[in-house]
Amino acid sequence: MRIVIDMQGAQGNNRQRGIGRYTLSIAKAIIRNRGEHDVLLALNGLFPDTIEPIRAAFNGLLPQKNIRVWQAPEQRYDSSNENHWRIRAAELVRETFLASLKPDIVLVSSLFEGSNDDAVTSIGTLSRTIQTAVILYDLIPLIHRHRYLENPLVEAWYENKLDHLRRADLLLAISESSRQESIRYLSFPPEACINISTAADPQFQPQQNDSKRELEIRQCYGLHRPYVMYTGGIDHRKNVEGLIRAYSKLPKPLRASHQLTIVCANLTLSSRAALEKIAREQGLKDDEMVMTGFVPEDDLLTLYSLCKVFCISIMA
């Protein structure tokens, strides 16, 4: 059997978030367990800075000839009505390329891509003859429509992606919650949606750090005291604002002896300013909250091992 994996989850704006990490990890796991099956990776050529790093990530796991690059019309992500022809053309180009690889099944690593970059994802624009599986992360924008789909253009883009999702032959949900969402909100057949769950990569385990390494990391990120750490995105579903408000309710002596550390790759100037404003309003001093921005993998592992408390995100 020939399996083609659309790797755009590790190429677009989500590549430095959990989706990017998960895309690389599951692709590597499939390749390691492929047996007699043939696996190909499909890369979008409109993300040229990602191609060589992805090739390097699979060096020794997969022959380079099994990593293929395709091209689509540029500047496709403008969501105005005048750009619909370009979107459809890009979808047809992608699906034609995938069909040329003669796959038995295509795995789409992340379908909800392309709202603000040149990712191209679709199912059945050209033909319904190729079996297609999609990794399903969640349907939060659909469930909380009033928070995520107020903009008519965003709503139209998301609804279009849902139409493509409904044409998938198989959904691979990352949790039972996501699986149930597809059944409840999309009426997806239960037997065609499988909970494959998620797991931590092997490198994410307790590690010992010598004093030199600890000092280096603390100085680099301004962590002068024991710290409480959150890592992930800062969009509404992550409820980082709620985390800051909750942290501010701790006794002042406890806060004074610790720091709240937010590790987030997609911090913009405006989002940083908004979170800092909330922190000030809640009475946090400047050095009580640290926002690191993007953190390299080795540093992230060390930050995990040094933190006193780790916080997961909880939907507001």
C-alpha atoms as a PDB file:
ATOM      1  CA  MET A   1       0.000   0.000   0.000  1.00  0.00           C
ATOM      2  CA  ARG A   2       1.210   3.508  -0.815  1.00  0.00           C
ATOM      3  CA  ILE A   3       0.551   6.148   1.860  1.00  0.00           C
ATOM      4  CA  VAL A   4       1.014   9.825   0.986  1.00  0.00           C
ATOM      5  CA  ILE A   5       1.215  12.239   3.908  1.00  0.00           C
ATOM      6  CA  ASP A   6       0.372  15.901   3.286  1.00  0.00           C
ATOM      7  CA  MET A   7       2.915  17.613   5.551  1.00  0.00           C
ATOM      8  CA  GLN A   8       1.514  21.158   5.527  1.00  0.00           C
ATOM      9  CA  GLY A   9       0.756  20.933   9.250  1.00  0.00           C
ATOM     10  CA  ALA A  10       4.530  21.207   9.685  1.00  0.00           C
ATOM     11  CA  GLN A  11       4.935  23.972   7.096  1.00  0.00           C
ATOM     12  CA  GLY A  12       2.345  26.705   7.672  1.00  0.00           C
ATOM     13  CA  ASN A  13       1.864  29.134  10.539  1.00  0.00           C
ATOM     14  CA  ASN A  14       1.128  26.246  12.913  1.00  0.00           C
ATOM     15  CA  ARG A  15       4.513  24.601  12.399  1.00  0.00           C
ATOM     16  CA  GLN A  16       5.944  25.954  15.674  1.00  0.00           C
ATOM     17  CA  ARG A  17       2.864  24.915  17.626  1.00  0.00           C
ATOM     18  CA  GLY A  18       1.499  21.560  18.687  1.00  0.00           C
ATOM     19  CA  ILE A  19       0.127  20.781  15.226  1.00  0.00           C
ATOM     20  CA  GLY A  20       3.577  21.152  13.690  1.00  0.00           C
ATOM     21  CA  ARG A  21       5.162  18.932  16.316  1.00  0.00           C
ATOM     22  CA  TYR A  22       2.397  16.342  16.011  1.00  0.00           C
ATOM     23  CA  THR A  23       2.645  16.269  12.208  1.00  0.00           C
ATOM     24  CA  LEU A  24       6.363  15.487  12.321  1.00  0.00           C
ATOM     25  CA  SER A  25       5.963  12.951  15.110  1.00  0.00           C
ATOM     26  CA  ILE A  26       3.126  10.963  13.566  1.00  0.00           C
ATOM     27  CA  ALA A  27       4.812  10.946  10.155  1.00  0.00           C
ATOM     28  CA  LYS A  28       7.988   9.564  11.716  1.00  0.00           C
ATOM     29  CA  ALA A  29       5.995   6.948  13.636  1.00  0.00           C
ATOM     30  CA  ILE A  30       4.200   5.821  10.466  1.00  0.00           C
ATOM     31  CA  ILE A  31       7.510   5.550   8.633  1.00  0.00           C
ATOM     32  CA  ARG A  32       9.166   3.588  11.427  1.00  0.00           C
ATOM     33  CA  ASN A  33       6.260   1.130  11.420  1.00  0.00           C
ATOM     34  CA  ARG A  34       5.640   1.015   7.672  1.00  0.00           C
ATOM     35  CA  GLY A  35       6.805  -2.542   7.138  1.00  0.00           C
ATOM     36  CA  GLU A  36       6.331  -3.328   3.434  1.00  0.00           C
ATOM     37  CA  HIS A  37       4.194  -0.239   2.825  1.00  0.00           C
ATOM     38  CA  ASP A  38       5.466   2.668   0.722  1.00  0.00           C
ATOM     39  CA  VAL A  39       5.325   6.121   2.362  1.00  0.00           C
ATOM     40  CA  LEU A  40       5.716   9.459   0.559  1.00  0.00           C
ATOM     41  CA  LEU A  41       5.730  12.948   2.052  1.00  0.00           C
ATOM     42  CA  ALA A  42       4.149  15.816   0.076  1.00  0.00           C
ATOM     43  CA  LEU A  43       5.513  19.330   0.718  1.00  0.00           C
ATOM     44  CA  ASN A  44       4.079  22.674  -0.379  1.00  0.00           C
ATOM     45  CA  GLY A  45       6.770  24.566  -2.323  1.00  0.00           C
ATOM     46  CA  LEU A  46       5.353  27.926  -1.218  1.00  0.00           C
ATOM     47  CA  PHE A  47       7.074  27.349   2.146  1.00  0.00           C
ATOM     48  CA  PRO A  48      10.661  27.058   0.863  1.00  0.00           C
ATOM     49  CA  ASP A  49      12.264  27.698   4.256  1.00  0.00           C
ATOM     50  CA  THR A  50      10.620  24.553   5.654  1.00  0.00           C
ATOM     51  CA  ILE A  51      11.637  22.089   2.954  1.00  0.00           C
ATOM     52  CA  GLU A  52      15.261  21.420   3.863  1.00  0.00           C
ATOM     53  CA  PRO A  53      14.575  21.213   7.634  1.00  0.00           C
ATOM     54  CA  ILE A  54      11.842  18.635   6.971  1.00  0.00           C
ATOM     55  CA  ARG A  55      14.137  16.716   4.631  1.00  0.00           C
ATOM     56  CA  ALA A  56      16.791  16.738   7.352  1.00  0.00           C
ATOM     57  CA  ALA A  57      14.290  15.570   9.988  1.00  0.00           C
ATOM     58  CA  PHE A  58      13.623  12.398   7.946  1.00  0.00           C
ATOM     59  CA  ASN A  59      17.214  11.741   6.949  1.00  0.00           C
ATOM     60  CA  GLY A  60      17.927   8.083   7.627  1.00  0.00           C
ATOM     61  CA  LEU A  61      14.235   7.282   8.050  1.00  0.00           C
ATOM     62  CA  LEU A  62      12.997   7.783   4.513  1.00  0.00           C
ATOM     63  CA  PRO A  63      14.752   7.957   1.115  1.00  0.00           C
ATOM     64  CA  GLN A  64      14.924  11.550  -0.089  1.00  0.00           C
ATOM     65  CA  LYS A  65      13.226  10.520  -3.346  1.00  0.00           C
ATOM     66  CA  ASN A  66      10.112   9.798  -1.255  1.00  0.00           C
ATOM     67  CA  ILE A  67       9.858  13.455  -0.244  1.00  0.00           C
ATOM     68  CA  ARG A  68       8.100  15.324  -3.050  1.00  0.00           C
ATOM     69  CA  VAL A  69       7.489  19.052  -3.510  1.00  0.00           C
ATOM     70  CA  TRP A  70       4.589  20.625  -5.402  1.00  0.00           C
ATOM     71  CA  GLN A  71       3.841  24.241  -6.380  1.00  0.00           C
ATOM     72  CA  ALA A  72       0.615  26.243  -6.248  1.00  0.00           C
ATOM     73  CA  PRO A  73      -0.350  29.821  -7.226  1.00  0.00           C
ATOM     74  CA  GLU A  74       1.158  32.325  -4.810  1.00  0.00           C
ATOM     75  CA  GLN A  75      -0.593  34.773  -2.445  1.00  0.00           C
ATOM     76  CA  ARG A  76      -3.601  32.490  -2.320  1.00  0.00           C
ATOM     77  CA  TYR A  77      -4.628  33.205   1.263  1.00  0.00           C
ATOM     78  CA  ASP A  78      -6.438  36.499   0.596  1.00  0.00           C
ATOM     79  CA  SER A  79      -9.969  35.537   1.656  1.00  0.00           C
ATOM     80  CA  SER A  80     -11.816  38.112  -0.456  1.00  0.00           C
ATOM     81  CA  ASN A  81     -14.359  36.935  -2.995  1.00  0.00           C
ATOM     82  CA  GLU A  82     -12.068  38.035  -5.841  1.00  0.00           C
ATOM     83  CA  ASN A  83      -9.542  35.383  -4.825  1.00  0.00           C
ATOM     84  CA  HIS A  84     -11.831  32.338  -4.899  1.00  0.00           C
ATOM     85  CA  TRP A  85     -10.648  31.352  -8.362  1.00  0.00           C
ATOM     86  CA  ARG A  86      -7.051  31.219  -7.127  1.00  0.00           C
ATOM     87  CA  ILE A  87      -8.057  29.104  -4.128  1.00  0.00           C
ATOM     88  CA  ARG A  88      -9.871  26.613  -6.337  1.00  0.00           C
ATOM     89  CA  ALA A  89      -6.972  26.534  -8.813  1.00  0.00           C
ATOM     90  CA  ALA A  90      -4.547  25.809  -5.974  1.00  0.00           C
ATOM     91  CA  GLU A  91      -6.783  22.999  -4.673  1.00  0.00           C
ATOM     92  CA  LEU A  92      -6.915  21.439  -8.146  1.00  0.00           C
ATOM     93  CA  VAL A  93      -3.136  21.698  -8.543  1.00  0.00           C
ATOM     94  CA  ARG A  94      -2.566  20.023  -5.175  1.00  0.00           C
ATOM     95  CA  GLU A  95      -5.054  17.216  -5.760  1.00  0.00           C
ATOM     96  CA  THR A  96      -3.689  16.599  -9.269  1.00  0.00           C
ATOM     97  CA  PHE A  97      -0.193  16.309  -7.828  1.00  0.00           C
ATOM     98  CA  LEU A  98      -1.331  13.915  -5.106  1.00  0.00           C
ATOM     99  CA  ALA A  99      -3.172  11.782  -7.680  1.00  0.00           C
ATOM    100  CA  SER A 100       0.015  11.612  -9.775  1.00  0.00           C
ATOM    101  CA  LEU A 101       1.713   9.834  -6.871  1.00  0.00           C
ATOM    102  CA  LYS A 102      -0.831   7.007  -7.231  1.00  0.00           C
ATOM    103  CA  PRO A 103      -1.621   6.736  -3.503  1.00  0.00           C
ATOM    104  CA  ASP A 104      -3.821   4.110  -1.952  1.00  0.00           C
ATOM    105  CA  ILE A 105      -4.590   6.644   0.785  1.00  0.00           C
ATOM    106  CA  VAL A 106      -3.728  10.277   1.510  1.00  0.00           C
ATOM    107  CA  LEU A 107      -3.278  11.424   5.109  1.00  0.00           C
ATOM    108  CA  VAL A 108      -3.958  15.138   5.638  1.00  0.00           C
ATOM    109  CA  SER A 109      -1.952  16.244   8.671  1.00  0.00           C
ATOM    110  CA  SER A 110      -3.984  19.428   9.218  1.00  0.00           C
ATOM    111  CA  LEU A 111      -7.034  20.337   7.127  1.00  0.00           C
ATOM    112  CA  PHE A 112      -7.814  23.709   8.740  1.00  0.00           C
ATOM    113  CA  GLU A 113      -4.855  25.525   7.208  1.00  0.00           C
ATOM    114  CA  GLY A 114      -4.556  28.457   4.827  1.00  0.00           C
ATOM    115  CA  SER A 115      -6.581  31.178   6.536  1.00  0.00           C
ATOM    116  CA  ASN A 116      -3.506  33.407   6.849  1.00  0.00           C
ATOM    117  CA  ASP A 117      -0.779  31.725   4.821  1.00  0.00           C
ATOM    118  CA  ASP A 118      -0.283  29.857   1.539  1.00  0.00           C
ATOM    119  CA  ALA A 119      -1.284  26.403   2.777  1.00  0.00           C
ATOM    120  CA  VAL A 120      -3.698  24.589   0.451  1.00  0.00           C
ATOM    121  CA  THR A 121      -5.966  21.830   1.760  1.00  0.00           C
ATOM    122  CA  SER A 122      -9.007  20.205   0.211  1.00  0.00           C
ATOM    123  CA  ILE A 123     -10.827  16.911  -0.266  1.00  0.00           C
ATOM    124  CA  GLY A 124     -12.749  15.987  -3.392  1.00  0.00           C
ATOM    125  CA  THR A 125     -12.289  19.190  -5.403  1.00  0.00           C
ATOM    126  CA  LEU A 126     -10.868  17.167  -8.307  1.00  0.00           C
ATOM    127  CA  SER A 127     -12.112  13.657  -7.624  1.00  0.00           C
ATOM    128  CA  ARG A 128     -13.517  11.433  -4.895  1.00  0.00           C
ATOM    129  CA  THR A 129     -11.598   8.360  -6.012  1.00  0.00           C
ATOM    130  CA  ILE A 130      -8.637   8.724  -3.614  1.00  0.00           C
ATOM    131  CA  GLN A 131      -9.228   7.507  -0.074  1.00  0.00           C
ATOM    132  CA  THR A 132      -8.443  10.363   2.324  1.00  0.00           C
ATOM    133  CA  ALA A 133      -7.857  10.351   6.074  1.00  0.00           C
ATOM    134  CA  VAL A 134      -7.662  13.540   8.154  1.00  0.00           C
ATOM    135  CA  ILE A 135      -6.134  14.105  11.565  1.00  0.00           C
ATOM    136  CA  LEU A 136      -8.827  15.843  13.621  1.00  0.00           C
ATOM    137  CA  TYR A 137      -7.585  18.098  16.417  1.00  0.00           C
ATOM    138  CA  ASP A 138     -10.868  19.695  17.459  1.00  0.00           C
ATOM    139  CA  LEU A 139     -13.960  21.553  16.268  1.00  0.00           C
ATOM    140  CA  ILE A 140     -13.770  24.381  18.803  1.00  0.00           C
ATOM    141  CA  PRO A 141     -14.551  27.210  16.315  1.00  0.00           C
ATOM    142  CA  LEU A 142     -17.737  25.377  15.320  1.00  0.00           C
ATOM    143  CA  ILE A 143     -18.772  24.674  18.901  1.00  0.00           C
ATOM    144  CA  HIS A 144     -17.968  28.230  20.072  1.00  0.00           C
ATOM    145  CA  ARG A 145     -19.045  29.967  16.898  1.00  0.00           C
ATOM    146  CA  HIS A 146     -19.873  33.259  18.652  1.00  0.00           C
ATOM    147  CA  ARG A 147     -16.226  33.671  19.670  1.00  0.00           C
ATOM    148  CA  TYR A 148     -14.425  32.439  16.567  1.00  0.00           C
ATOM    149  CA  LEU A 149     -16.704  33.000  13.572  1.00  0.00           C
ATOM    150  CA  GLU A 150     -18.031  36.530  14.022  1.00  0.00           C
ATOM    151  CA  ASN A 151     -16.190  37.702  10.905  1.00  0.00           C
ATOM    152  CA  PRO A 152     -18.253  36.634   7.844  1.00  0.00           C
ATOM    153  CA  LEU A 153     -15.108  35.945   5.778  1.00  0.00           C
ATOM    154  CA  VAL A 154     -13.641  33.747   8.522  1.00  0.00           C
ATOM    155  CA  GLU A 155     -16.978  31.989   8.912  1.00  0.00           C
ATOM    156  CA  ALA A 156     -17.193  31.292   5.164  1.00  0.00           C
ATOM    157  CA  TRP A 157     -13.610  29.976   5.122  1.00  0.00           C
ATOM    158  CA  TYR A 158     -14.255  27.670   8.099  1.00  0.00           C
ATOM    159  CA  GLU A 159     -17.563  26.376   6.740  1.00  0.00           C
ATOM    160  CA  ASN A 160     -15.827  25.568   3.456  1.00  0.00           C
ATOM    161  CA  LYS A 161     -13.214  23.539   5.345  1.00  0.00           C
ATOM    162  CA  LEU A 162     -15.995  21.709   7.189  1.00  0.00           C
ATOM    163  CA  ASP A 163     -17.493  20.754   3.821  1.00  0.00           C
ATOM    164  CA  HIS A 164     -14.142  19.260   2.821  1.00  0.00           C
ATOM    165  CA  LEU A 165     -13.882  17.486   6.181  1.00  0.00           C
ATOM    166  CA  ARG A 166     -17.278  15.849   5.662  1.00  0.00           C
ATOM    167  CA  ARG A 167     -15.902  14.281   2.461  1.00  0.00           C
ATOM    168  CA  ALA A 168     -13.084  12.533   4.320  1.00  0.00           C
ATOM    169  CA  ASP A 169     -13.197   8.745   4.371  1.00  0.00           C
ATOM    170  CA  LEU A 170     -11.619   8.485   7.810  1.00  0.00           C
ATOM    171  CA  LEU A 171     -11.009  10.833  10.731  1.00  0.00           C
ATOM    172  CA  LEU A 172      -8.119  10.171  13.110  1.00  0.00           C
ATOM    173  CA  ALA A 173      -9.047  12.083  16.262  1.00  0.00           C
ATOM    174  CA  ILE A 174      -6.341  13.053  18.743  1.00  0.00           C
ATOM    175  CA  SER A 175      -8.707  12.455  21.681  1.00  0.00           C
ATOM    176  CA  GLU A 176     -12.030  10.817  22.466  1.00  0.00           C
ATOM    177  CA  SER A 177     -13.404  14.320  23.017  1.00  0.00           C
ATOM    178  CA  SER A 178     -12.495  15.297  19.436  1.00  0.00           C
ATOM    179  CA  ARG A 179     -13.977  12.048  18.141  1.00  0.00           C
ATOM    180  CA  GLN A 180     -17.258  12.726  19.910  1.00  0.00           C
ATOM    181  CA  GLU A 181     -17.294  16.278  18.526  1.00  0.00           C
ATOM    182  CA  SER A 182     -17.178  14.944  14.958  1.00  0.00           C
ATOM    183  CA  ILE A 183     -20.008  12.521  15.667  1.00  0.00           C
ATOM    184  CA  ARG A 184     -22.187  15.045  17.474  1.00  0.00           C
ATOM    185  CA  TYR A 185     -21.641  18.186  15.409  1.00  0.00           C
ATOM    186  CA  LEU A 186     -20.920  16.744  11.941  1.00  0.00           C
ATOM    187  CA  SER A 187     -22.937  13.516  12.175  1.00  0.00           C
ATOM    188  CA  PHE A 188     -19.793  11.683  11.140  1.00  0.00           C
ATOM    189  CA  PRO A 189     -20.222   7.873  11.199  1.00  0.00           C
ATOM    190  CA  PRO A 190     -18.748   6.583  14.480  1.00  0.00           C
ATOM    191  CA  GLU A 191     -17.047   3.682  12.712  1.00  0.00           C
ATOM    192  CA  ALA A 192     -15.210   6.131  10.418  1.00  0.00           C
ATOM    193  CA  CYS A 193     -13.749   8.203  13.249  1.00  0.00           C
ATOM    194  CA  ILE A 194     -11.025   6.625  15.366  1.00  0.00           C
ATOM    195  CA  ASN A 195      -9.430   7.976  18.533  1.00  0.00           C
ATOM    196  CA  ILE A 196      -5.671   7.590  18.014  1.00  0.00           C
ATOM    197  CA  SER A 197      -4.798   9.843  20.996  1.00  0.00           C
ATOM    198  CA  THR A 198      -1.561  11.739  21.446  1.00  0.00           C
ATOM    199  CA  ALA A 199       1.631  11.102  23.348  1.00  0.00           C
ATOM    200  CA  ALA A 200       4.823  12.896  24.298  1.00  0.00           C
ATOM    201  CA  ASP A 201       7.941  12.386  22.219  1.00  0.00           C
ATOM    202  CA  PRO A 202      10.594  10.272  23.969  1.00  0.00           C
ATOM    203  CA  GLN A 203      12.805  13.281  24.711  1.00  0.00           C
ATOM    204  CA  PHE A 204      10.130  14.768  26.983  1.00  0.00           C
ATOM    205  CA  GLN A 205      11.099  13.097  30.232  1.00  0.00           C
ATOM    206  CA  PRO A 206      12.692  14.198  33.512  1.00  0.00           C
ATOM    207  CA  GLN A 207      16.288  15.226  33.043  1.00  0.00           C
ATOM    208  CA  GLN A 208      19.117  16.312  35.274  1.00  0.00           C
ATOM    209  CA  ASN A 209      20.686  19.691  34.552  1.00  0.00           C
ATOM    210  CA  ASP A 210      24.049  20.762  35.867  1.00  0.00           C
ATOM    211  CA  SER A 211      24.354  24.141  37.553  1.00  0.00           C
ATOM    212  CA  LYS A 212      25.982  25.714  34.493  1.00  0.00           C
ATOM    213  CA  ARG A 213      23.096  24.738  32.205  1.00  0.00           C
ATOM    214  CA  GLU A 214      20.476  25.870  34.715  1.00  0.00           C
ATOM    215  CA  LEU A 215      22.182  29.246  35.163  1.00  0.00           C
ATOM    216  CA  GLU A 216      22.440  29.661  31.387  1.00  0.00           C
ATOM    217  CA  ILE A 217      18.736  29.044  30.845  1.00  0.00           C
ATOM    218  CA  ARG A 218      17.608  31.190  33.745  1.00  0.00           C
ATOM    219  CA  GLN A 219      19.717  34.142  32.604  1.00  0.00           C
ATOM    220  CA  CYS A 220      18.586  33.727  28.993  1.00  0.00           C
ATOM    221  CA  TYR A 221      14.881  33.933  29.856  1.00  0.00           C
ATOM    222  CA  GLY A 222      14.944  36.113  32.968  1.00  0.00           C
ATOM    223  CA  LEU A 223      13.908  33.345  35.371  1.00  0.00           C
ATOM    224  CA  HIS A 224      15.405  34.351  38.693  1.00  0.00           C
ATOM    225  CA  ARG A 225      13.057  32.429  40.983  1.00  0.00           C
ATOM    226  CA  PRO A 226      11.099  29.152  40.972  1.00  0.00           C
ATOM    227  CA  TYR A 227       8.489  29.401  38.243  1.00  0.00           C
ATOM    228  CA  VAL A 228       5.071  28.210  37.141  1.00  0.00           C
ATOM    229  CA  MET A 229       5.114  27.428  33.404  1.00  0.00           C
ATOM    230  CA  TYR A 230       2.521  27.362  30.642  1.00  0.00           C
ATOM    231  CA  THR A 231       3.422  26.531  27.045  1.00  0.00           C
ATOM    232  CA  GLY A 232       1.145  26.660  24.026  1.00  0.00           C
ATOM    233  CA  GLY A 233      -0.829  29.142  21.968  1.00  0.00           C
ATOM    234  CA  ILE A 234      -2.535  32.256  23.276  1.00  0.00           C
ATOM    235  CA  ASP A 235      -5.766  32.192  21.271  1.00  0.00           C
ATOM    236  CA  HIS A 236      -9.043  32.343  23.165  1.00  0.00           C
ATOM    237  CA  ARG A 237      -9.426  28.594  23.656  1.00  0.00           C
ATOM    238  CA  LYS A 238      -6.205  28.474  25.692  1.00  0.00           C
ATOM    239  CA  ASN A 239      -7.565  30.908  28.304  1.00  0.00           C
ATOM    240  CA  VAL A 240      -4.180  32.455  29.110  1.00  0.00           C
ATOM    241  CA  GLU A 241      -6.001  35.533  30.403  1.00  0.00           C
ATOM    242  CA  GLY A 242      -7.745  33.304  32.931  1.00  0.00           C
ATOM    243  CA  LEU A 243      -4.409  31.816  33.951  1.00  0.00           C
ATOM    244  CA  ILE A 244      -3.009  35.285  34.656  1.00  0.00           C
ATOM    245  CA  ARG A 245      -6.071  36.278  36.685  1.00  0.00           C
ATOM    246  CA  ALA A 246      -5.933  33.036  38.654  1.00  0.00           C
ATOM    247  CA  TYR A 247      -2.218  33.465  39.339  1.00  0.00           C
ATOM    248  CA  SER A 248      -2.813  37.002  40.579  1.00  0.00           C
ATOM    249  CA  LYS A 249      -5.100  35.627  43.317  1.00  0.00           C
ATOM    250  CA  LEU A 250      -2.238  33.747  44.971  1.00  0.00           C
ATOM    251  CA  PRO A 251      -0.980  35.273  48.245  1.00  0.00           C
ATOM    252  CA  LYS A 252       1.439  38.114  47.537  1.00  0.00           C
ATOM    253  CA  PRO A 253       4.381  36.504  49.432  1.00  0.00           C
ATOM    254  CA  LEU A 254       3.974  33.375  47.322  1.00  0.00           C
ATOM    255  CA  ARG A 255       3.885  35.396  44.110  1.00  0.00           C
ATOM    256  CA  ALA A 256       6.899  37.401  45.207  1.00  0.00           C
ATOM    257  CA  SER A 257       8.930  34.201  45.537  1.00  0.00           C
ATOM    258  CA  HIS A 258       7.872  32.772  42.153  1.00  0.00           C
ATOM    259  CA  GLN A 259       7.338  33.790  38.535  1.00  0.00           C
ATOM    260  CA  LEU A 260       4.632  32.959  36.015  1.00  0.00           C
ATOM    261  CA  THR A 261       6.272  31.944  32.735  1.00  0.00           C
ATOM    262  CA  ILE A 262       4.348  31.884  29.451  1.00  0.00           C
ATOM    263  CA  VAL A 263       6.196  30.042  26.683  1.00  0.00           C
ATOM    264  CA  CYS A 264       4.539  30.833  23.370  1.00  0.00           C
ATOM    265  CA  ALA A 265       5.960  30.873  19.857  1.00  0.00           C
ATOM    266  CA  ASN A 266       3.238  33.040  18.283  1.00  0.00           C
ATOM    267  CA  LEU A 267       3.452  36.064  20.562  1.00  0.00           C
ATOM    268  CA  THR A 268       2.903  39.272  18.576  1.00  0.00           C
ATOM    269  CA  LEU A 269       3.584  42.774  19.855  1.00  0.00           C
ATOM    270  CA  SER A 270      -0.147  43.378  20.266  1.00  0.00           C
ATOM    271  CA  SER A 271      -0.843  40.087  22.068  1.00  0.00           C
ATOM    272  CA  ARG A 272       2.132  40.627  24.365  1.00  0.00           C
ATOM    273  CA  ALA A 273       0.903  44.132  25.193  1.00  0.00           C
ATOM    274  CA  ALA A 274      -2.619  42.820  25.864  1.00  0.00           C
ATOM    275  CA  LEU A 275      -1.369  40.164  28.304  1.00  0.00           C
ATOM    276  CA  GLU A 276       0.926  42.647  30.034  1.00  0.00           C
ATOM    277  CA  LYS A 277      -2.026  45.009  30.447  1.00  0.00           C
ATOM    278  CA  ILE A 278      -4.079  42.252  32.103  1.00  0.00           C
ATOM    279  CA  ALA A 279      -1.162  41.422  34.403  1.00  0.00           C
ATOM    280  CA  ARG A 280      -0.829  45.060  35.507  1.00  0.00           C
ATOM    281  CA  GLU A 281      -4.567  45.349  36.068  1.00  0.00           C
ATOM    282  CA  GLN A 282      -4.419  42.240  38.270  1.00  0.00           C
ATOM    283  CA  GLY A 283      -1.611  43.710  40.360  1.00  0.00           C
ATOM    284  CA  LEU A 284       1.324  41.673  39.070  1.00  0.00           C
ATOM    285  CA  LYS A 285       4.703  43.391  39.138  1.00  0.00           C
ATOM    286  CA  ASP A 286       6.816  43.484  35.997  1.00  0.00           C
ATOM    287  CA  ASP A 287       9.122  40.637  37.049  1.00  0.00           C
ATOM    288  CA  GLU A 288       6.284  38.369  38.244  1.00  0.00           C
ATOM    289  CA  MET A 289       5.375  37.340  34.687  1.00  0.00           C
ATOM    290  CA  VAL A 290       7.807  36.323  31.942  1.00  0.00           C
ATOM    291  CA  MET A 291       6.846  35.796  28.286  1.00  0.00           C
ATOM    292  CA  THR A 292       9.597  34.032  26.381  1.00  0.00           C
ATOM    293  CA  GLY A 293       8.384  33.967  22.797  1.00  0.00           C
ATOM    294  CA  PHE A 294       9.728  31.092  20.680  1.00  0.00           C
ATOM    295  CA  VAL A 295      11.993  28.668  22.539  1.00  0.00           C
ATOM    296  CA  PRO A 296      14.303  26.147  20.790  1.00  0.00           C
ATOM    297  CA  GLU A 297      13.690  22.477  21.483  1.00  0.00           C
ATOM    298  CA  ASP A 298      16.687  21.939  23.781  1.00  0.00           C
ATOM    299  CA  ASP A 299      15.792  25.002  25.851  1.00  0.00           C
ATOM    300  CA  LEU A 300      12.152  23.883  26.067  1.00  0.00           C
ATOM    301  CA  LEU A 301      13.195  20.508  27.485  1.00  0.00           C
ATOM    302  CA  THR A 302      15.283  22.262  30.120  1.00  0.00           C
ATOM    303  CA  LEU A 303      12.468  24.690  30.968  1.00  0.00           C
ATOM    304  CA  TYR A 304      10.123  21.743  31.531  1.00  0.00           C
ATOM    305  CA  SER A 305      12.621  20.052  33.823  1.00  0.00           C
ATOM    306  CA  LEU A 306      13.268  23.185  35.888  1.00  0.00           C
ATOM    307  CA  CYS A 307       9.711  24.447  36.382  1.00  0.00           C
ATOM    308  CA  LYS A 308       8.108  23.968  39.777  1.00  0.00           C
ATOM    309  CA  VAL A 309       4.540  23.726  38.456  1.00  0.00           C
ATOM    310  CA  PHE A 310       3.259  23.161  34.909  1.00  0.00           C
ATOM    311  CA  CYS A 311      -0.175  24.491  33.857  1.00  0.00           C
ATOM    312  CA  ILE A 312      -2.276  23.087  31.024  1.00  0.00           C
ATOM    313  CA  SER A 313      -4.727  25.262  29.138  1.00  0.00           C
ATOM    314  CA  ILE A 314      -8.427  25.073  29.983  1.00  0.00           C
ATOM    315  CA  MET A 315     -11.111  26.434  27.669  1.00  0.00           C
ATOM    316  CA  ALA A 316     -12.858  29.452  29.160  1.00  0.00           C
END
